Amino acid sequence: MRKTYDKAFKIEIASQIVAKKTTVSAVASEYKISRPIVSRWVSEFNRYGNQAFSGKGKRLPDKAKQYALEEEVKRLKEENEILKKFAAFVAQEKK
C-alpha cells in the first residue's frame, strides 16, 4: 500500500529544509521516504508556499484557472458543433 502524507507534514518538512534546519537526505532516511519525493515537496513548497499540496485531485493554484478555461473551450466547441448541425437541419427542413 502506498503511503500518503498530509499537507501539514509536507509543509513542515519542506519549510525545515528551506530554512536549512535539515536536509533532504536526512529527512529521507529518518522517515524512509525517497529523496526525489522529498525534493518534489521542497520544490512545490518553494513555488506555492502554503498553497502547495492541495490534495487528491485538486489542482495547484496556477493550473486551476487554465484547466477551467480549457474545459470551457471544450464545452463551447461541442455547443458550436450542435448549433451547426441544428442550423443545417433547419435549412434542409425549409426546402
PDB file of N, CA and C in Angstrom:
ATOM      1  N   MET A   1       0.833  -1.189   0.000  1.00  0.00           N
ATOM      2  CA  MET A   1       0.000   0.000   0.000  1.00  0.00           C
ATOM      3  C   MET A   1       0.878   1.254   0.000  1.00  0.00           C
ATOM      4  N   ARG A   2       0.454   2.226  -0.763  1.00  0.00           N
ATOM      5  CA  ARG A   2       1.219   3.458  -0.903  1.00  0.00           C
ATOM      6  C   ARG A   2       0.994   4.365   0.302  1.00  0.00           C
ATOM      7  N   LYS A   3       2.084   4.904   0.831  1.00  0.00           N
ATOM      8  CA  LYS A   3       1.984   5.823   1.963  1.00  0.00           C
ATOM      9  C   LYS A   3       1.532   7.194   1.462  1.00  0.00           C
ATOM     10  N   THR A   4       0.736   7.857   2.269  1.00  0.00           N
ATOM     11  CA  THR A   4       0.362   9.237   1.964  1.00  0.00           C
ATOM     12  C   THR A   4       0.693  10.097   3.173  1.00  0.00           C
ATOM     13  N   TYR A   5       1.008  11.333   2.913  1.00  0.00           N
ATOM     14  CA  TYR A   5       1.382  12.268   3.966  1.00  0.00           C
ATOM     15  C   TYR A   5       0.488  13.491   3.849  1.00  0.00           C
ATOM     16  N   ASP A   6       0.035  13.997   4.972  1.00  0.00           N
ATOM     17  CA  ASP A   6      -0.879  15.131   4.921  1.00  0.00           C
ATOM     18  C   ASP A   6      -0.136  16.431   4.622  1.00  0.00           C
ATOM     19  N   LYS A   7      -0.928  17.436   4.269  1.00  0.00           N
ATOM     20  CA  LYS A   7      -0.392  18.731   3.868  1.00  0.00           C
ATOM     21  C   LYS A   7       0.488  19.343   4.961  1.00  0.00           C
ATOM     22  N   ALA A   8       0.027  19.299   6.207  1.00  0.00           N
ATOM     23  CA  ALA A   8       0.777  19.908   7.306  1.00  0.00           C
ATOM     24  C   ALA A   8       2.160  19.270   7.455  1.00  0.00           C
ATOM     25  N   PHE A   9       2.229  17.951   7.322  1.00  0.00           N
ATOM     26  CA  PHE A   9       3.502  17.250   7.429  1.00  0.00           C
ATOM     27  C   PHE A   9       4.450  17.696   6.307  1.00  0.00           C
ATOM     28  N   LYS A  10       3.937  17.731   5.084  1.00  0.00           N
ATOM     29  CA  LYS A  10       4.776  18.124   3.943  1.00  0.00           C
ATOM     30  C   LYS A  10       5.270  19.560   4.089  1.00  0.00           C
ATOM     31  N   ILE A  11       4.389  20.456   4.521  1.00  0.00           N
ATOM     32  CA  ILE A  11       4.798  21.856   4.705  1.00  0.00           C
ATOM     33  C   ILE A  11       5.849  21.964   5.796  1.00  0.00           C
ATOM     34  N   GLU A  12       5.670  21.241   6.875  1.00  0.00           N
ATOM     35  CA  GLU A  12       6.641  21.274   7.971  1.00  0.00           C
ATOM     36  C   GLU A  12       8.014  20.786   7.495  1.00  0.00           C
ATOM     37  N   ILE A  13       8.033  19.656   6.806  1.00  0.00           N
ATOM     38  CA  ILE A  13       9.292  19.098   6.306  1.00  0.00           C
ATOM     39  C   ILE A  13       9.950  20.061   5.323  1.00  0.00           C
ATOM     40  N   ALA A  14       9.171  20.530   4.342  1.00  0.00           N
ATOM     41  CA  ALA A  14       9.725  21.415   3.306  1.00  0.00           C
ATOM     42  C   ALA A  14      10.227  22.722   3.911  1.00  0.00           C
ATOM     43  N   SER A  15       9.493  23.286   4.862  1.00  0.00           N
ATOM     44  CA  SER A  15       9.924  24.556   5.459  1.00  0.00           C
ATOM     45  C   SER A  15      11.202  24.377   6.273  1.00  0.00           C
ATOM     46  N   GLN A  16      11.345  23.231   6.927  1.00  0.00           N
ATOM     47  CA  GLN A  16      12.589  22.971   7.665  1.00  0.00           C
ATOM     48  C   GLN A  16      13.775  22.864   6.716  1.00  0.00           C
ATOM     49  N   ILE A  17      13.565  22.233   5.575  1.00  0.00           N
ATOM     50  CA  ILE A  17      14.653  22.091   4.595  1.00  0.00           C
ATOM     51  C   ILE A  17      15.006  23.454   4.011  1.00  0.00           C
ATOM     52  N   VAL A  18      13.989  24.244   3.672  1.00  0.00           N
ATOM     53  CA  VAL A  18      14.227  25.578   3.116  1.00  0.00           C
ATOM     54  C   VAL A  18      14.953  26.466   4.131  1.00  0.00           C
ATOM     55  N   ALA A  19      14.584  26.328   5.405  1.00  0.00           N
ATOM     56  CA  ALA A  19      15.226  27.125   6.460  1.00  0.00           C
ATOM     57  C   ALA A  19      16.599  26.573   6.853  1.00  0.00           C
ATOM     58  N   LYS A  20      17.024  25.524   6.150  1.00  0.00           N
ATOM     59  CA  LYS A  20      18.330  24.898   6.372  1.00  0.00           C
ATOM     60  C   LYS A  20      18.457  24.279   7.767  1.00  0.00           C
ATOM     61  N   LYS A  21      17.330  23.872   8.355  1.00  0.00           N
ATOM     62  CA  LYS A  21      17.354  23.196   9.661  1.00  0.00           C
ATOM     63  C   LYS A  21      17.636  21.709   9.493  1.00  0.00           C
ATOM     64  N   THR A  22      17.409  21.196   8.284  1.00  0.00           N
ATOM     65  CA  THR A  22      17.682  19.801   7.975  1.00  0.00           C
ATOM     66  C   THR A  22      17.943  19.696   6.480  1.00  0.00           C
ATOM     67  N   THR A  23      18.217  18.480   6.024  1.00  0.00           N
ATOM     68  CA  THR A  23      18.499  18.277   4.600  1.00  0.00           C
ATOM     69  C   THR A  23      17.524  17.256   4.010  1.00  0.00           C
ATOM     70  N   VAL A  24      17.462  17.229   2.700  1.00  0.00           N
ATOM     71  CA  VAL A  24      16.617  16.255   2.010  1.00  0.00           C
ATOM     72  C   VAL A  24      17.046  14.842   2.390  1.00  0.00           C
ATOM     73  N   SER A  25      18.342  14.598   2.393  1.00  0.00           N
ATOM     74  CA  SER A  25      18.852  13.259   2.725  1.00  0.00           C
ATOM     75  C   SER A  25      18.493  12.844   4.145  1.00  0.00           C
ATOM     76  N   ALA A  26      18.611  13.777   5.081  1.00  0.00           N
ATOM     77  CA  ALA A  26      18.304  13.466   6.475  1.00  0.00           C
ATOM     78  C   ALA A  26      16.822  13.123   6.642  1.00  0.00           C
ATOM     79  N   VAL A  27      15.962  13.896   6.007  1.00  0.00           N
ATOM     80  CA  VAL A  27      14.518  13.632   6.087  1.00  0.00           C
ATOM     81  C   VAL A  27      14.188  12.297   5.429  1.00  0.00           C
ATOM     82  N   ALA A  28      14.783  12.061   4.261  1.00  0.00           N
ATOM     83  CA  ALA A  28      14.517  10.821   3.531  1.00  0.00           C
ATOM     84  C   ALA A  28      14.890   9.600   4.369  1.00  0.00           C
ATOM     85  N   SER A  29      16.033   9.639   5.015  1.00  0.00           N
ATOM     86  CA  SER A  29      16.433   8.479   5.806  1.00  0.00           C
ATOM     87  C   SER A  29      15.651   8.379   7.120  1.00  0.00           C
ATOM     88  N   GLU A  30      15.357   9.507   7.749  1.00  0.00           N
ATOM     89  CA  GLU A  30      14.625   9.483   9.022  1.00  0.00           C
ATOM     90  C   GLU A  30      13.200   8.940   8.860  1.00  0.00           C
ATOM     91  N   TYR A  31      12.511   9.382   7.815  1.00  0.00           N
ATOM     92  CA  TYR A  31      11.111   8.982   7.623  1.00  0.00           C
ATOM     93  C   TYR A  31      10.942   7.865   6.587  1.00  0.00           C
ATOM     94  N   LYS A  32      12.065   7.399   6.021  1.00  0.00           N
ATOM     95  CA  LYS A  32      12.047   6.343   4.998  1.00  0.00           C
ATOM     96  C   LYS A  32      11.165   6.727   3.804  1.00  0.00           C
ATOM     97  N   ILE A  33      11.444   7.932   3.304  1.00  0.00           N
ATOM     98  CA  ILE A  33      10.775   8.465   2.120  1.00  0.00           C
ATOM     99  C   ILE A  33      11.861   8.668   1.072  1.00  0.00           C
ATOM    100  N   SER A  34      11.565   8.365  -0.179  1.00  0.00           N
ATOM    101  CA  SER A  34      12.606   8.513  -1.197  1.00  0.00           C
ATOM    102  C   SER A  34      13.001   9.984  -1.365  1.00  0.00           C
ATOM    103  N   ARG A  35      14.258  10.192  -1.657  1.00  0.00           N
ATOM    104  CA  ARG A  35      14.784  11.552  -1.805  1.00  0.00           C
ATOM    105  C   ARG A  35      14.066  12.349  -2.894  1.00  0.00           C
ATOM    106  N   PRO A  36      13.769  11.744  -4.070  1.00  0.00           N
ATOM    107  CA  PRO A  36      13.062  12.520  -5.098  1.00  0.00           C
ATOM    108  C   PRO A  36      11.694  13.034  -4.625  1.00  0.00           C
ATOM    109  N   ILE A  37      11.008  12.273  -3.804  1.00  0.00           N
ATOM    110  CA  ILE A  37       9.709  12.717  -3.287  1.00  0.00           C
ATOM    111  C   ILE A  37       9.897  13.921  -2.370  1.00  0.00           C
ATOM    112  N   VAL A  38      10.858  13.837  -1.477  1.00  0.00           N
ATOM    113  CA  VAL A  38      11.121  14.950  -0.565  1.00  0.00           C
ATOM    114  C   VAL A  38      11.549  16.184  -1.365  1.00  0.00           C
ATOM    115  N   SER A  39      12.375  15.981  -2.370  1.00  0.00           N
ATOM    116  CA  SER A  39      12.806  17.099  -3.218  1.00  0.00           C
ATOM    117  C   SER A  39      11.616  17.733  -3.931  1.00  0.00           C
ATOM    118  N   ARG A  40      10.677  16.911  -4.365  1.00  0.00           N
ATOM    119  CA  ARG A  40       9.477  17.423  -5.034  1.00  0.00           C
ATOM    120  C   ARG A  40       8.650  18.269  -4.060  1.00  0.00           C
ATOM    121  N   TRP A  41       8.565  17.812  -2.815  1.00  0.00           N
ATOM    122  CA  TRP A  41       7.843  18.585  -1.795  1.00  0.00           C
ATOM    123  C   TRP A  41       8.478  19.960  -1.620  1.00  0.00           C
ATOM    124  N   VAL A  42       9.810  19.987  -1.542  1.00  0.00           N
ATOM    125  CA  VAL A  42      10.527  21.254  -1.355  1.00  0.00           C
ATOM    126  C   VAL A  42      10.289  22.168  -2.555  1.00  0.00           C
ATOM    127  N   SER A  43      10.359  21.596  -3.748  1.00  0.00           N
ATOM    128  CA  SER A  43      10.137  22.378  -4.963  1.00  0.00           C
ATOM    129  C   SER A  43       8.737  22.978  -4.983  1.00  0.00           C
ATOM    130  N   GLU A  44       7.737  22.165  -4.670  1.00  0.00           N
ATOM    131  CA  GLU A  44       6.355  22.649  -4.659  1.00  0.00           C
ATOM    132  C   GLU A  44       6.162  23.705  -3.571  1.00  0.00           C
ATOM    133  N   PHE A  45       6.777  23.501  -2.416  1.00  0.00           N
ATOM    134  CA  PHE A  45       6.678  24.478  -1.332  1.00  0.00           C
ATOM    135  C   PHE A  45       7.327  25.797  -1.737  1.00  0.00           C
ATOM    136  N   ASN A  46       8.481  25.722  -2.380  1.00  0.00           N
ATOM    137  CA  ASN A  46       9.161  26.939  -2.836  1.00  0.00           C
ATOM    138  C   ASN A  46       8.304  27.706  -3.835  1.00  0.00           C
ATOM    139  N   ARG A  47       7.597  26.976  -4.661  1.00  0.00           N
ATOM    140  CA  ARG A  47       6.805  27.615  -5.714  1.00  0.00           C
ATOM    141  C   ARG A  47       5.471  28.155  -5.201  1.00  0.00           C
ATOM    142  N   TYR A  48       4.786  27.415  -4.327  1.00  0.00           N
ATOM    143  CA  TYR A  48       3.432  27.779  -3.929  1.00  0.00           C
ATOM    144  C   TYR A  48       3.260  28.143  -2.455  1.00  0.00           C
ATOM    145  N   GLY A  49       4.300  27.952  -1.657  1.00  0.00           N
ATOM    146  CA  GLY A  49       4.193  28.277  -0.239  1.00  0.00           C
ATOM    147  C   GLY A  49       3.113  27.444   0.442  1.00  0.00           C
ATOM    148  N   ASN A  50       2.280  28.089   1.247  1.00  0.00           N
ATOM    149  CA  ASN A  50       1.243  27.363   1.967  1.00  0.00           C
ATOM    150  C   ASN A  50       0.095  26.908   1.070  1.00  0.00           C
ATOM    151  N   GLN A  51       0.074  27.324  -0.181  1.00  0.00           N
ATOM    152  CA  GLN A  51      -0.932  26.855  -1.140  1.00  0.00           C
ATOM    153  C   GLN A  51      -0.535  25.505  -1.738  1.00  0.00           C
ATOM    154  N   ALA A  52       0.678  25.081  -1.484  1.00  0.00           N
ATOM    155  CA  ALA A  52       1.170  23.807  -2.028  1.00  0.00           C
ATOM    156  C   ALA A  52       0.404  22.643  -1.418  1.00  0.00           C
ATOM    157  N   PHE A  53       0.542  21.500  -2.051  1.00  0.00           N
ATOM    158  CA  PHE A  53      -0.039  20.249  -1.552  1.00  0.00           C
ATOM    159  C   PHE A  53      -1.557  20.362  -1.403  1.00  0.00           C
ATOM    160  N   SER A  54      -2.201  20.721  -2.502  1.00  0.00           N
ATOM    161  CA  SER A  54      -3.640  20.981  -2.461  1.00  0.00           C
ATOM    162  C   SER A  54      -4.472  19.733  -2.223  1.00  0.00           C
ATOM    163  N   GLY A  55      -3.929  18.564  -2.454  1.00  0.00           N
ATOM    164  CA  GLY A  55      -4.656  17.348  -2.124  1.00  0.00           C
ATOM    165  C   GLY A  55      -5.042  16.532  -3.343  1.00  0.00           C
ATOM    166  N   LYS A  56      -5.682  15.417  -3.087  1.00  0.00           N
ATOM    167  CA  LYS A  56      -6.040  14.473  -4.137  1.00  0.00           C
ATOM    168  C   LYS A  56      -7.016  15.089  -5.131  1.00  0.00           C
ATOM    169  N   GLY A  57      -6.603  15.122  -6.385  1.00  0.00           N
ATOM    170  CA  GLY A  57      -7.487  15.583  -7.435  1.00  0.00           C
ATOM    171  C   GLY A  57      -7.644  17.083  -7.535  1.00  0.00           C
ATOM    172  N   LYS A  58      -7.085  17.822  -6.623  1.00  0.00           N
ATOM    173  CA  LYS A  58      -7.209  19.278  -6.680  1.00  0.00           C
ATOM    174  C   LYS A  58      -6.025  19.833  -7.439  1.00  0.00           C
ATOM    175  N   ARG A  59      -6.272  20.860  -8.162  1.00  0.00           N
ATOM    176  CA  ARG A  59      -5.217  21.455  -8.979  1.00  0.00           C
ATOM    177  C   ARG A  59      -4.453  22.521  -8.192  1.00  0.00           C
ATOM    178  N   LEU A  60      -3.205  22.693  -8.575  1.00  0.00           N
ATOM    179  CA  LEU A  60      -2.405  23.745  -7.979  1.00  0.00           C
ATOM    180  C   LEU A  60      -2.971  25.087  -8.426  1.00  0.00           C
ATOM    181  N   PRO A  61      -2.764  26.135  -7.642  1.00  0.00           N
ATOM    182  CA  PRO A  61      -3.413  27.423  -7.927  1.00  0.00           C
ATOM    183  C   PRO A  61      -3.241  27.936  -9.354  1.00  0.00           C
ATOM    184  N   ASP A  62      -2.040  27.848  -9.906  1.00  0.00           N
ATOM    185  CA  ASP A  62      -1.836  28.392 -11.254  1.00  0.00           C
ATOM    186  C   ASP A  62      -2.411  27.487 -12.342  1.00  0.00           C
ATOM    187  N   LYS A  63      -2.645  26.233 -12.042  1.00  0.00           N
ATOM    188  CA  LYS A  63      -3.194  25.303 -13.033  1.00  0.00           C
ATOM    189  C   LYS A  63      -4.716  25.290 -13.033  1.00  0.00           C
ATOM    190  N   ALA A  64      -5.340  25.663 -11.933  1.00  0.00           N
ATOM    191  CA  ALA A  64      -6.796  25.592 -11.816  1.00  0.00           C
ATOM    192  C   ALA A  64      -7.482  26.487 -12.838  1.00  0.00           C
ATOM    193  N   LYS A  65      -7.010  27.709 -12.998  1.00  0.00           N
ATOM    194  CA  LYS A  65      -7.628  28.637 -13.949  1.00  0.00           C
ATOM    195  C   LYS A  65      -7.453  28.132 -15.374  1.00  0.00           C
ATOM    196  N   GLN A  66      -6.273  27.652 -15.705  1.00  0.00           N
ATOM    197  CA  GLN A  66      -6.011  27.128 -17.041  1.00  0.00           C
ATOM    198  C   GLN A  66      -6.924  25.938 -17.329  1.00  0.00           C
ATOM    199  N   TYR A  67      -7.073  25.049 -16.373  1.00  0.00           N
ATOM    200  CA  TYR A  67      -7.931  23.884 -16.544  1.00  0.00           C
ATOM    201  C   TYR A  67      -9.381  24.311 -16.774  1.00  0.00           C
ATOM    202  N   ALA A  68      -9.852  25.275 -15.986  1.00  0.00           N
ATOM    203  CA  ALA A  68     -11.226  25.761 -16.129  1.00  0.00           C
ATOM    204  C   ALA A  68     -11.441  26.354 -17.521  1.00  0.00           C
ATOM    205  N   LEU A  69     -10.467  27.105 -17.999  1.00  0.00           N
ATOM    206  CA  LEU A  69     -10.584  27.707 -19.339  1.00  0.00           C
ATOM    207  C   LEU A  69     -10.571  26.642 -20.433  1.00  0.00           C
ATOM    208  N   GLU A  70      -9.731  25.626 -20.280  1.00  0.00           N
ATOM    209  CA  GLU A  70      -9.687  24.537 -21.260  1.00  0.00           C
ATOM    210  C   GLU A  70     -11.016  23.785 -21.301  1.00  0.00           C
ATOM    211  N   GLU A  71     -11.601  23.565 -20.123  1.00  0.00           N
ATOM    212  CA  GLU A  71     -12.898  22.889 -20.062  1.00  0.00           C
ATOM    213  C   GLU A  71     -13.993  23.732 -20.712  1.00  0.00           C
ATOM    214  N   GLU A  72     -13.934  25.044 -20.523  1.00  0.00           N
ATOM    215  CA  GLU A  72     -14.931  25.925 -21.139  1.00  0.00           C
ATOM    216  C   GLU A  72     -14.780  25.931 -22.662  1.00  0.00           C
ATOM    217  N   VAL A  73     -13.551  25.956 -23.152  1.00  0.00           N
ATOM    218  CA  VAL A  73     -13.315  25.900 -24.594  1.00  0.00           C
ATOM    219  C   VAL A  73     -13.883  24.606 -25.160  1.00  0.00           C
ATOM    220  N   LYS A  74     -13.642  23.503 -24.486  1.00  0.00           N
ATOM    221  CA  LYS A  74     -14.162  22.203 -24.922  1.00  0.00           C
ATOM    222  C   LYS A  74     -15.691  22.221 -24.996  1.00  0.00           C
ATOM    223  N   ARG A  75     -16.321  22.748 -23.938  1.00  0.00           N
ATOM    224  CA  ARG A  75     -17.779  22.819 -23.896  1.00  0.00           C
ATOM    225  C   ARG A  75     -18.322  23.706 -25.017  1.00  0.00           C
ATOM    226  N   LEU A  76     -17.669  24.846 -25.254  1.00  0.00           N
ATOM    227  CA  LEU A  76     -18.128  25.764 -26.296  1.00  0.00           C
ATOM    228  C   LEU A  76     -17.959  25.173 -27.693  1.00  0.00           C
ATOM    229  N   LYS A  77     -16.903  24.407 -27.914  1.00  0.00           N
ATOM    230  CA  LYS A  77     -16.719  23.735 -29.205  1.00  0.00           C
ATOM    231  C   LYS A  77     -17.831  22.730 -29.454  1.00  0.00           C
ATOM    232  N   GLU A  78     -18.175  21.961 -28.404  1.00  0.00           N
ATOM    233  CA  GLU A  78     -19.259  20.982 -28.528  1.00  0.00           C
ATOM    234  C   GLU A  78     -20.582  21.692 -28.815  1.00  0.00           C
ATOM    235  N   GLU A  79     -20.818  22.781 -28.107  1.00  0.00           N
ATOM    236  CA  GLU A  79     -22.038  23.557 -28.303  1.00  0.00           C
ATOM    237  C   GLU A  79     -22.100  24.115 -29.721  1.00  0.00           C
ATOM    238  N   ASN A  80     -20.993  24.595 -30.216  1.00  0.00           N
ATOM    239  CA  ASN A  80     -20.904  25.141 -31.569  1.00  0.00           C
ATOM    240  C   ASN A  80     -21.231  24.068 -32.614  1.00  0.00           C
ATOM    241  N   GLU A  81     -20.712  22.860 -32.414  1.00  0.00           N
ATOM    242  CA  GLU A  81     -20.992  21.761 -33.349  1.00  0.00           C
ATOM    243  C   GLU A  81     -22.478  21.421 -33.360  1.00  0.00           C
ATOM    244  N   ILE A  82     -23.099  21.412 -32.196  1.00  0.00           N
ATOM    245  CA  ILE A  82     -24.532  21.124 -32.106  1.00  0.00           C
ATOM    246  C   ILE A  82     -25.324  22.196 -32.854  1.00  0.00           C
ATOM    247  N   LEU A  83     -24.948  23.453 -32.658  1.00  0.00           N
ATOM    248  CA  LEU A  83     -25.653  24.547 -33.325  1.00  0.00           C
ATOM    249  C   LEU A  83     -25.476  24.486 -34.852  1.00  0.00           C
ATOM    250  N   LYS A  84     -24.296  24.099 -35.304  1.00  0.00           N
ATOM    251  CA  LYS A  84     -24.071  23.955 -36.755  1.00  0.00           C
ATOM    252  C   LYS A  84     -24.972  22.868 -37.324  1.00  0.00           C
ATOM    253  N   LYS A  85     -25.067  21.743 -36.624  1.00  0.00           N
ATOM    254  CA  LYS A  85     -25.920  20.641 -37.083  1.00  0.00           C
ATOM    255  C   LYS A  85     -27.383  21.057 -37.080  1.00  0.00           C
ATOM    256  N   PHE A  86     -27.792  21.795 -36.057  1.00  0.00           N
ATOM    257  CA  PHE A  86     -29.173  22.251 -35.980  1.00  0.00           C
ATOM    258  C   PHE A  86     -29.477  23.229 -37.118  1.00  0.00           C
ATOM    259  N   ALA A  87     -28.549  24.150 -37.390  1.00  0.00           N
ATOM    260  CA  ALA A  87     -28.738  25.125 -38.470  1.00  0.00           C
ATOM    261  C   ALA A  87     -28.854  24.388 -39.801  1.00  0.00           C
ATOM    262  N   ALA A  88     -28.052  23.362 -40.025  1.00  0.00           N
ATOM    263  CA  ALA A  88     -28.127  22.585 -41.270  1.00  0.00           C
ATOM    264  C   ALA A  88     -29.464  21.857 -41.341  1.00  0.00           C
ATOM    265  N   PHE A  89     -29.932  21.324 -40.240  1.00  0.00           N
ATOM    266  CA  PHE A  89     -31.224  20.629 -40.199  1.00  0.00           C
ATOM    267  C   PHE A  89     -32.365  21.597 -40.530  1.00  0.00           C
ATOM    268  N   VAL A  90     -32.349  22.783 -39.933  1.00  0.00           N
ATOM    269  CA  VAL A  90     -33.399  23.773 -40.174  1.00  0.00           C
ATOM    270  C   VAL A  90     -33.383  24.219 -41.624  1.00  0.00           C
ATOM    271  N   ALA A  91     -32.202  24.425 -42.178  1.00  0.00           N
ATOM    272  CA  ALA A  91     -32.087  24.831 -43.583  1.00  0.00           C
ATOM    273  C   ALA A  91     -32.639  23.754 -44.498  1.00  0.00           C
ATOM    274  N   GLN A  92     -32.412  22.504 -44.185  1.00  0.00           N
ATOM    275  CA  GLN A  92     -32.899  21.392 -45.006  1.00  0.00           C
ATOM    276  C   GLN A  92     -34.428  21.270 -44.882  1.00  0.00           C
ATOM    277  N   GLU A  93     -34.958  21.520 -43.708  1.00  0.00           N
ATOM    278  CA  GLU A  93     -36.405  21.435 -43.487  1.00  0.00           C
ATOM    279  C   GLU A  93     -37.169  22.515 -44.255  1.00  0.00           C
ATOM    280  N   LYS A  94     -36.528  23.674 -44.452  1.00  0.00           N
ATOM    281  CA  LYS A  94     -37.167  24.783 -45.164  1.00  0.00           C
ATOM    282  C   LYS A  94     -37.329  24.475 -46.640  1.00  0.00           C
ATOM    283  N   LYS A  95     -36.542  23.560 -47.169  1.00  0.00           N
ATOM    284  CA  LYS A  95     -36.580  23.255 -48.613  1.00  0.00           C
ATOM    285  C   LYS A  95     -37.788  22.487 -48.992  1.00  0.00           C
TER     286      LYS A  95
END
